[in-house]
Amino acid sequence: KPDLCVVAAYGKILPSRYLDVPKYGFLNVHPSILPK
């Protein structure tokens, strides 16, 4: 029953069924200024 998931350089695609589980979703630390 996670409240939040944090992703950093994980290297795998998260299946969609995971995304709705945590209350605050998944946050990704991405090493660029998106959308670049």
All heavy atoms as atom14 arrays in JSON, in Angstrom:
{
  "sequence": "KPDLCVVAAYGKILPSRYLDVPKYGFLNVHPSILPK",
  "atom14_mask": [
    [1, 1, 1, 1, 1, 1, 1, 1, 1, 0, 0, 0, 0, 0],
    [1, 1, 1, 1, 1, 1, 1, 0, 0, 0, 0, 0, 0, 0],
    [1, 1, 1, 1, 1, 1, 1, 1, 0, 0, 0, 0, 0, 0],
    [1, 1, 1, 1, 1, 1, 1, 1, 0, 0, 0, 0, 0, 0],
    [1, 1, 1, 1, 1, 1, 0, 0, 0, 0, 0, 0, 0, 0],
    [1, 1, 1, 1, 1, 1, 1, 0, 0, 0, 0, 0, 0, 0],
    [1, 1, 1, 1, 1, 1, 1, 0, 0, 0, 0, 0, 0, 0],
    [1, 1, 1, 1, 1, 0, 0, 0, 0, 0, 0, 0, 0, 0],
    [1, 1, 1, 1, 1, 0, 0, 0, 0, 0, 0, 0, 0, 0],
    [1, 1, 1, 1, 1, 1, 1, 1, 1, 1, 1, 1, 0, 0],
    [1, 1, 1, 1, 0, 0, 0, 0, 0, 0, 0, 0, 0, 0],
    [1, 1, 1, 1, 1, 1, 1, 1, 1, 0, 0, 0, 0, 0],
    [1, 1, 1, 1, 1, 1, 1, 1, 0, 0, 0, 0, 0, 0],
    [1, 1, 1, 1, 1, 1, 1, 1, 0, 0, 0, 0, 0, 0],
    [1, 1, 1, 1, 1, 1, 1, 0, 0, 0, 0, 0, 0, 0],
    [1, 1, 1, 1, 1, 1, 0, 0, 0, 0, 0, 0, 0, 0],
    [1, 1, 1, 1, 1, 1, 1, 1, 1, 1, 1, 0, 0, 0],
    [1, 1, 1, 1, 1, 1, 1, 1, 1, 1, 1, 1, 0, 0],
    [1, 1, 1, 1, 1, 1, 1, 1, 0, 0, 0, 0, 0, 0],
    [1, 1, 1, 1, 1, 1, 1, 1, 0, 0, 0, 0, 0, 0],
    [1, 1, 1, 1, 1, 1, 1, 0, 0, 0, 0, 0, 0, 0],
    [1, 1, 1, 1, 1, 1, 1, 0, 0, 0, 0, 0, 0, 0],
    [1, 1, 1, 1, 1, 1, 1, 1, 1, 0, 0, 0, 0, 0],
    [1, 1, 1, 1, 1, 1, 1, 1, 1, 1, 1, 1, 0, 0],
    [1, 1, 1, 1, 0, 0, 0, 0, 0, 0, 0, 0, 0, 0],
    [1, 1, 1, 1, 1, 1, 1, 1, 1, 1, 1, 0, 0, 0],
    [1, 1, 1, 1, 1, 1, 1, 1, 0, 0, 0, 0, 0, 0],
    [1, 1, 1, 1, 1, 1, 1, 1, 0, 0, 0, 0, 0, 0],
    [1, 1, 1, 1, 1, 1, 1, 0, 0, 0, 0, 0, 0, 0],
    [1, 1, 1, 1, 1, 1, 1, 1, 1, 1, 0, 0, 0, 0],
    [1, 1, 1, 1, 1, 1, 1, 0, 0, 0, 0, 0, 0, 0],
    [1, 1, 1, 1, 1, 1, 0, 0, 0, 0, 0, 0, 0, 0],
    [1, 1, 1, 1, 1, 1, 1, 1, 0, 0, 0, 0, 0, 0],
    [1, 1, 1, 1, 1, 1, 1, 1, 0, 0, 0, 0, 0, 0],
    [1, 1, 1, 1, 1, 1, 1, 0, 0, 0, 0, 0, 0, 0],
    [1, 1, 1, 1, 1, 1, 1, 1, 1, 0, 0, 0, 0, 0]
  ],
  "atom14_positions": [
    [[0.82, -1.21, 0.0], [0.0, 0.0, 0.0], [0.85, 1.26, 0.0], [0.76, 2.11, 0.9], [-0.96, 0.0, 1.2], [-1.95, -1.15, 1.19], [-2.88, -1.12, 2.38], [-3.87, -2.28, 2.34], [-4.77, -2.31, 3.51], [0.0, 0.0, 0.0], [0.0, 0.0, 0.0], [0.0, 0.0, 0.0], [0.0, 0.0, 0.0], [0.0, 0.0, 0.0]],
    [[1.7, 1.4, -1.02], [2.59, 2.57, -1.06], [1.8, 3.86, -1.3], [0.8, 3.87, -2.02], [3.5, 2.27, -2.25], [2.68, 1.39, -3.15], [1.87, 0.53, -2.21], [0.0, 0.0, 0.0], [0.0, 0.0, 0.0], [0.0, 0.0, 0.0], [0.0, 0.0, 0.0], [0.0, 0.0, 0.0], [0.0, 0.0, 0.0], [0.0, 0.0, 0.0]],
    [[2.26, 4.93, -0.67], [1.68, 6.25, -0.92], [2.32, 6.92, -2.13], [1.67, 7.67, -2.84], [1.86, 7.15, 0.31], [1.14, 6.6, 1.53], [-0.09, 6.46, 1.46], [1.82, 6.31, 2.53], [0.0, 0.0, 0.0], [0.0, 0.0, 0.0], [0.0, 0.0, 0.0], [0.0, 0.0, 0.0], [0.0, 0.0, 0.0], [0.0, 0.0, 0.0]],
    [[3.6, 6.63, -2.33], [4.36, 7.29, -3.39], [5.46, 6.35, -3.88], [6.05, 5.61, -3.09], [5.01, 8.57, -2.85], [6.0, 9.31, -3.75], [5.25, 9.97, -4.92], [6.78, 10.36, -2.97], [0.0, 0.0, 0.0], [0.0, 0.0, 0.0], [0.0, 0.0, 0.0], [0.0, 0.0, 0.0], [0.0, 0.0, 0.0], [0.0, 0.0, 0.0]],
    [[5.74, 6.39, -5.17], [6.87, 5.65, -5.73], [7.81, 6.64, -6.41], [7.36, 7.55, -7.12], [6.41, 4.6, -6.73], [5.47, 3.26, -5.98], [0.0, 0.0, 0.0], [0.0, 0.0, 0.0], [0.0, 0.0, 0.0], [0.0, 0.0, 0.0], [0.0, 0.0, 0.0], [0.0, 0.0, 0.0], [0.0, 0.0, 0.0], [0.0, 0.0, 0.0]],
    [[9.1, 6.47, -6.18], [10.12, 7.34, -6.77], [11.01, 6.5, -7.66], [11.49, 5.43, -7.26], [10.96, 8.04, -5.67], [12.1, 8.84, -6.3], [10.08, 8.95, -4.83], [0.0, 0.0, 0.0], [0.0, 0.0, 0.0], [0.0, 0.0, 0.0], [0.0, 0.0, 0.0], [0.0, 0.0, 0.0], [0.0, 0.0, 0.0], [0.0, 0.0, 0.0]],
    [[11.23, 6.98, -8.87], [12.02, 6.26, -9.87], [13.22, 7.1, -10.24], [13.11, 8.3, -10.5], [11.17, 5.98, -11.14], [12.01, 5.26, -12.19], [9.94, 5.16, -10.78], [0.0, 0.0, 0.0], [0.0, 0.0, 0.0], [0.0, 0.0, 0.0], [0.0, 0.0, 0.0], [0.0, 0.0, 0.0], [0.0, 0.0, 0.0], [0.0, 0.0, 0.0]],
    [[14.41, 6.48, -10.28], [15.64, 7.16, -10.7], [16.51, 6.18, -11.46], [16.96, 5.19, -10.89], [16.39, 7.72, -9.5], [0.0, 0.0, 0.0], [0.0, 0.0, 0.0], [0.0, 0.0, 0.0], [0.0, 0.0, 0.0], [0.0, 0.0, 0.0], [0.0, 0.0, 0.0], [0.0, 0.0, 0.0], [0.0, 0.0, 0.0], [0.0, 0.0, 0.0]],
    [[16.71, 6.42, -12.75], [17.57, 5.58, -13.59], [17.21, 4.11, -13.48], [18.07, 3.26, -13.33], [19.04, 5.79, -13.19], [0.0, 0.0, 0.0], [0.0, 0.0, 0.0], [0.0, 0.0, 0.0], [0.0, 0.0, 0.0], [0.0, 0.0, 0.0], [0.0, 0.0, 0.0], [0.0, 0.0, 0.0], [0.0, 0.0, 0.0], [0.0, 0.0, 0.0]],
    [[15.92, 3.82, -13.56], [15.48, 2.44, -13.36], [15.71, 1.58, -14.6], [16.08, 0.42, -14.51], [14.01, 2.41, -12.96], [13.52, 1.02, -12.6], [14.21, 0.25, -11.66], [12.39, 0.49, -13.19], [13.78, -1.02, -11.33], [11.94, -0.78, -12.87], [12.65, -1.53, -11.94], [12.22, -2.79, -11.63], [0.0, 0.0, 0.0], [0.0, 0.0, 0.0]],
    [[15.46, 2.12, -15.78], [15.78, 1.4, -17.0], [14.74, 0.38, -17.46], [14.98, -0.36, -18.4], [0.0, 0.0, 0.0], [0.0, 0.0, 0.0], [0.0, 0.0, 0.0], [0.0, 0.0, 0.0], [0.0, 0.0, 0.0], [0.0, 0.0, 0.0], [0.0, 0.0, 0.0], [0.0, 0.0, 0.0], [0.0, 0.0, 0.0], [0.0, 0.0, 0.0]],
    [[13.6, 0.33, -16.78], [12.52, -0.58, -17.2], [11.22, 0.18, -17.32], [10.99, 1.14, -16.58], [12.35, -1.73, -16.19], [13.54, -2.69, -16.13], [13.26, -3.81, -15.15], [14.46, -4.76, -15.07], [14.22, -5.88, -14.12], [0.0, 0.0, 0.0], [0.0, 0.0, 0.0], [0.0, 0.0, 0.0], [0.0, 0.0, 0.0], [0.0, 0.0, 0.0]],
    [[10.39, -0.24, -18.26], [9.08, 0.39, -18.43], [8.12, -0.16, -17.39], [8.01, -1.37, -17.2], [8.55, 0.14, -19.86], [9.48, 0.81, -20.89], [7.13, 0.67, -20.0], [9.1, 0.53, -22.32], [0.0, 0.0, 0.0], [0.0, 0.0, 0.0], [0.0, 0.0, 0.0], [0.0, 0.0, 0.0], [0.0, 0.0, 0.0], [0.0, 0.0, 0.0]],
    [[7.44, 0.73, -16.72], [6.49, 0.31, -15.68], [5.15, -0.03, -16.32], [4.54, 0.8, -16.99], [6.3, 1.45, -14.68], [7.52, 1.77, -13.81], [7.38, 3.16, -13.22], [7.67, 0.74, -12.7], [0.0, 0.0, 0.0], [0.0, 0.0, 0.0], [0.0, 0.0, 0.0], [0.0, 0.0, 0.0], [0.0, 0.0, 0.0], [0.0, 0.0, 0.0]],
    [[4.65, -1.26, -16.12], [3.33, -1.61, -16.63], [2.27, -0.69, -16.07], [2.34, -0.24, -14.91], [3.14, -3.05, -16.14], [4.53, -3.57, -15.94], [5.32, -2.4, -15.45], [0.0, 0.0, 0.0], [0.0, 0.0, 0.0], [0.0, 0.0, 0.0], [0.0, 0.0, 0.0], [0.0, 0.0, 0.0], [0.0, 0.0, 0.0], [0.0, 0.0, 0.0]],
    [[1.25, -0.4, -16.86], [0.24, 0.59, -16.48], [-0.49, 0.22, -15.19], [-0.95, 1.1, -14.46], [-0.76, 0.78, -17.62], [-1.38, -0.45, -17.96], [0.0, 0.0, 0.0], [0.0, 0.0, 0.0], [0.0, 0.0, 0.0], [0.0, 0.0, 0.0], [0.0, 0.0, 0.0], [0.0, 0.0, 0.0], [0.0, 0.0, 0.0], [0.0, 0.0, 0.0]],
    [[-0.61, -1.08, -14.89], [-1.37, -1.47, -13.69], [-0.69, -1.0, -12.4], [-1.33, -0.91, -11.36], [-1.57, -2.99, -13.66], [-0.31, -3.82, -13.59], [-0.67, -5.3, -13.49], [0.52, -6.17, -13.5], [0.47, -7.47, -13.25], [-0.68, -8.06, -12.96], [1.57, -8.2, -13.28], [0.0, 0.0, 0.0], [0.0, 0.0, 0.0], [0.0, 0.0, 0.0]],
    [[0.62, -0.71, -12.48], [1.33, -0.21, -11.3], [1.0, 1.25, -11.0], [1.02, 1.69, -9.84], [2.85, -0.33, -11.49], [3.4, -1.71, -11.32], [3.31, -2.66, -12.32], [4.03, -2.09, -10.13], [3.82, -3.93, -12.17], [4.55, -3.36, -9.96], [4.44, -4.27, -10.99], [4.94, -5.54, -10.83], [0.0, 0.0, 0.0], [0.0, 0.0, 0.0]],
    [[0.73, 2.02, -12.03], [0.71, 3.48, -11.91], [-0.39, 4.0, -11.01], [-0.25, 5.05, -10.38], [0.59, 4.11, -13.3], [1.73, 3.78, -14.27], [1.52, 4.5, -15.59], [3.09, 4.13, -13.68], [0.0, 0.0, 0.0], [0.0, 0.0, 0.0], [0.0, 0.0, 0.0], [0.0, 0.0, 0.0], [0.0, 0.0, 0.0], [0.0, 0.0, 0.0]],
    [[-1.5, 3.29, -10.93], [-2.64, 3.76, -10.13], [-2.62, 3.27, -8.69], [-3.5, 3.64, -7.9], [-3.96, 3.32, -10.79], [-4.18, 3.97, -12.14], [-3.73, 5.11, -12.31], [-4.8, 3.33, -13.02], [0.0, 0.0, 0.0], [0.0, 0.0, 0.0], [0.0, 0.0, 0.0], [0.0, 0.0, 0.0], [0.0, 0.0, 0.0], [0.0, 0.0, 0.0]],
    [[-1.62, 2.47, -8.34], [-1.6, 1.92, -6.97], [-1.25, 2.97, -5.92], [-2.0, 3.14, -4.95], [-0.66, 0.7, -6.9], [-0.51, 0.22, -5.45], [-1.16, -0.43, -7.79], [0.0, 0.0, 0.0], [0.0, 0.0, 0.0], [0.0, 0.0, 0.0], [0.0, 0.0, 0.0], [0.0, 0.0, 0.0], [0.0, 0.0, 0.0], [0.0, 0.0, 0.0]],
    [[-0.14, 3.69, -6.06], [0.19, 4.66, -5.01], [-0.69, 5.92, -5.08], [-1.02, 6.4, -6.17], [1.65, 5.02, -5.31], [1.86, 4.71, -6.74], [0.94, 3.58, -7.06], [0.0, 0.0, 0.0], [0.0, 0.0, 0.0], [0.0, 0.0, 0.0], [0.0, 0.0, 0.0], [0.0, 0.0, 0.0], [0.0, 0.0, 0.0], [0.0, 0.0, 0.0]],
    [[-1.06, 6.43, -3.94], [-1.95, 7.59, -3.84], [-1.4, 8.79, -4.58], [-2.14, 9.52, -5.25], [-2.16, 7.93, -2.36], [-3.01, 9.17, -2.11], [-3.13, 9.43, -0.61], [-3.94, 10.68, -0.34], [-4.05, 10.96, 1.11], [0.0, 0.0, 0.0], [0.0, 0.0, 0.0], [0.0, 0.0, 0.0], [0.0, 0.0, 0.0], [0.0, 0.0, 0.0]],
    [[-0.09, 9.01, -4.46], [0.54, 10.18, -5.08], [1.28, 9.84, -6.38], [2.04, 10.65, -6.89], [1.51, 10.84, -4.09], [0.81, 11.37, -2.85], [0.84, 10.64, -1.65], [0.12, 12.57, -2.88], [0.19, 11.12, -0.52], [-0.53, 13.06, -1.75], [-0.49, 12.32, -0.56], [-1.12, 12.8, 0.55], [0.0, 0.0, 0.0], [0.0, 0.0, 0.0]],
    [[1.05, 8.65, -6.87], [1.61, 8.27, -8.16], [3.09, 7.94, -8.12], [3.69, 7.72, -7.07], [0.0, 0.0, 0.0], [0.0, 0.0, 0.0], [0.0, 0.0, 0.0], [0.0, 0.0, 0.0], [0.0, 0.0, 0.0], [0.0, 0.0, 0.0], [0.0, 0.0, 0.0], [0.0, 0.0, 0.0], [0.0, 0.0, 0.0], [0.0, 0.0, 0.0]],
    [[3.69, 7.92, -9.31], [5.12, 7.66, -9.49], [5.8, 8.96, -9.92], [5.37, 9.6, -10.89], [5.34, 6.63, -10.6], [5.16, 5.2, -10.2], [3.9, 4.67, -9.98], [6.26, 4.36, -10.05], [3.73, 3.34, -9.62], [6.1, 3.04, -9.69], [4.84, 2.52, -9.47], [0.0, 0.0, 0.0], [0.0, 0.0, 0.0], [0.0, 0.0, 0.0]],
    [[6.87, 9.33, -9.22], [7.68, 10.48, -9.62], [9.02, 9.98, -10.15], [9.64, 9.1, -9.56], [7.93, 11.42, -8.44], [6.7, 12.09, -7.81], [7.15, 13.11, -6.78], [5.82, 12.74, -8.86], [0.0, 0.0, 0.0], [0.0, 0.0, 0.0], [0.0, 0.0, 0.0], [0.0, 0.0, 0.0], [0.0, 0.0, 0.0], [0.0, 0.0, 0.0]],
    [[9.44, 10.55, -11.27], [10.69, 10.15, -11.9], [11.69, 11.3, -11.86], [11.36, 12.44, -12.21], [10.42, 9.75, -13.36], [11.68, 9.28, -14.07], [12.58, 8.74, -13.46], [11.74, 9.49, -15.37], [0.0, 0.0, 0.0], [0.0, 0.0, 0.0], [0.0, 0.0, 0.0], [0.0, 0.0, 0.0], [0.0, 0.0, 0.0], [0.0, 0.0, 0.0]],
    [[12.92, 11.0, -11.42], [14.01, 11.97, -11.48], [14.72, 11.74, -12.81], [15.45, 10.76, -12.98], [14.99, 11.78, -10.3], [16.1, 12.82, -10.35], [14.25, 11.88, -8.97], [0.0, 0.0, 0.0], [0.0, 0.0, 0.0], [0.0, 0.0, 0.0], [0.0, 0.0, 0.0], [0.0, 0.0, 0.0], [0.0, 0.0, 0.0], [0.0, 0.0, 0.0]],
    [[14.48, 12.63, -13.76], [14.96, 12.43, -15.13], [16.1, 13.41, -15.43], [15.95, 14.62, -15.23], [13.81, 12.66, -16.12], [14.21, 12.48, -17.54], [14.3, 11.23, -18.13], [14.56, 13.37, -18.5], [14.69, 11.37, -19.39], [14.85, 12.66, -19.63], [0.0, 0.0, 0.0], [0.0, 0.0, 0.0], [0.0, 0.0, 0.0], [0.0, 0.0, 0.0]],
    [[17.24, 12.91, -15.96], [18.41, 13.76, -16.16], [18.43, 14.54, -17.47], [19.34, 14.4, -18.29], [19.56, 12.76, -16.07], [19.0, 11.5, -16.63], [17.57, 11.48, -16.18], [0.0, 0.0, 0.0], [0.0, 0.0, 0.0], [0.0, 0.0, 0.0], [0.0, 0.0, 0.0], [0.0, 0.0, 0.0], [0.0, 0.0, 0.0], [0.0, 0.0, 0.0]],
    [[17.41, 15.36, -17.69], [17.41, 16.35, -18.78], [16.29, 17.33, -18.49], [15.46, 17.1, -17.6], [17.2, 15.69, -20.15], [15.83, 15.42, -20.4], [0.0, 0.0, 0.0], [0.0, 0.0, 0.0], [0.0, 0.0, 0.0], [0.0, 0.0, 0.0], [0.0, 0.0, 0.0], [0.0, 0.0, 0.0], [0.0, 0.0, 0.0], [0.0, 0.0, 0.0]],
    [[16.28, 18.43, -19.23], [15.17, 19.37, -19.11], [14.11, 18.95, -20.12], [14.22, 19.22, -21.32], [15.63, 20.82, -19.39], [16.75, 21.24, -18.43], [14.45, 21.79, -19.29], [16.33, 21.35, -16.98], [0.0, 0.0, 0.0], [0.0, 0.0, 0.0], [0.0, 0.0, 0.0], [0.0, 0.0, 0.0], [0.0, 0.0, 0.0], [0.0, 0.0, 0.0]],
    [[13.11, 18.26, -19.65], [12.06, 17.75, -20.54], [11.27, 18.91, -21.16], [11.13, 19.96, -20.52], [11.13, 16.83, -19.75], [11.75, 15.5, -19.35], [10.86, 14.79, -18.31], [11.98, 14.59, -20.55], [0.0, 0.0, 0.0], [0.0, 0.0, 0.0], [0.0, 0.0, 0.0], [0.0, 0.0, 0.0], [0.0, 0.0, 0.0], [0.0, 0.0, 0.0]],
    [[10.83, 18.75, -22.43], [10.73, 17.5, -23.2], [11.98, 17.1, -24.0], [11.92, 16.18, -24.8], [9.56, 17.8, -24.14], [9.68, 19.27, -24.41], [10.12, 19.87, -23.1], [0.0, 0.0, 0.0], [0.0, 0.0, 0.0], [0.0, 0.0, 0.0], [0.0, 0.0, 0.0], [0.0, 0.0, 0.0], [0.0, 0.0, 0.0], [0.0, 0.0, 0.0]],
    [[13.09, 17.81, -23.8], [14.31, 17.46, -24.53], [14.92, 16.19, -23.94], [15.02, 16.04, -22.73], [15.31, 18.6, -24.45], [16.51, 18.46, -25.36], [17.38, 19.7, -25.3], [18.53, 19.61, -26.32], [19.38, 20.81, -26.28], [0.0, 0.0, 0.0], [0.0, 0.0, 0.0], [0.0, 0.0, 0.0], [0.0, 0.0, 0.0], [0.0, 0.0, 0.0]]
  ]
}
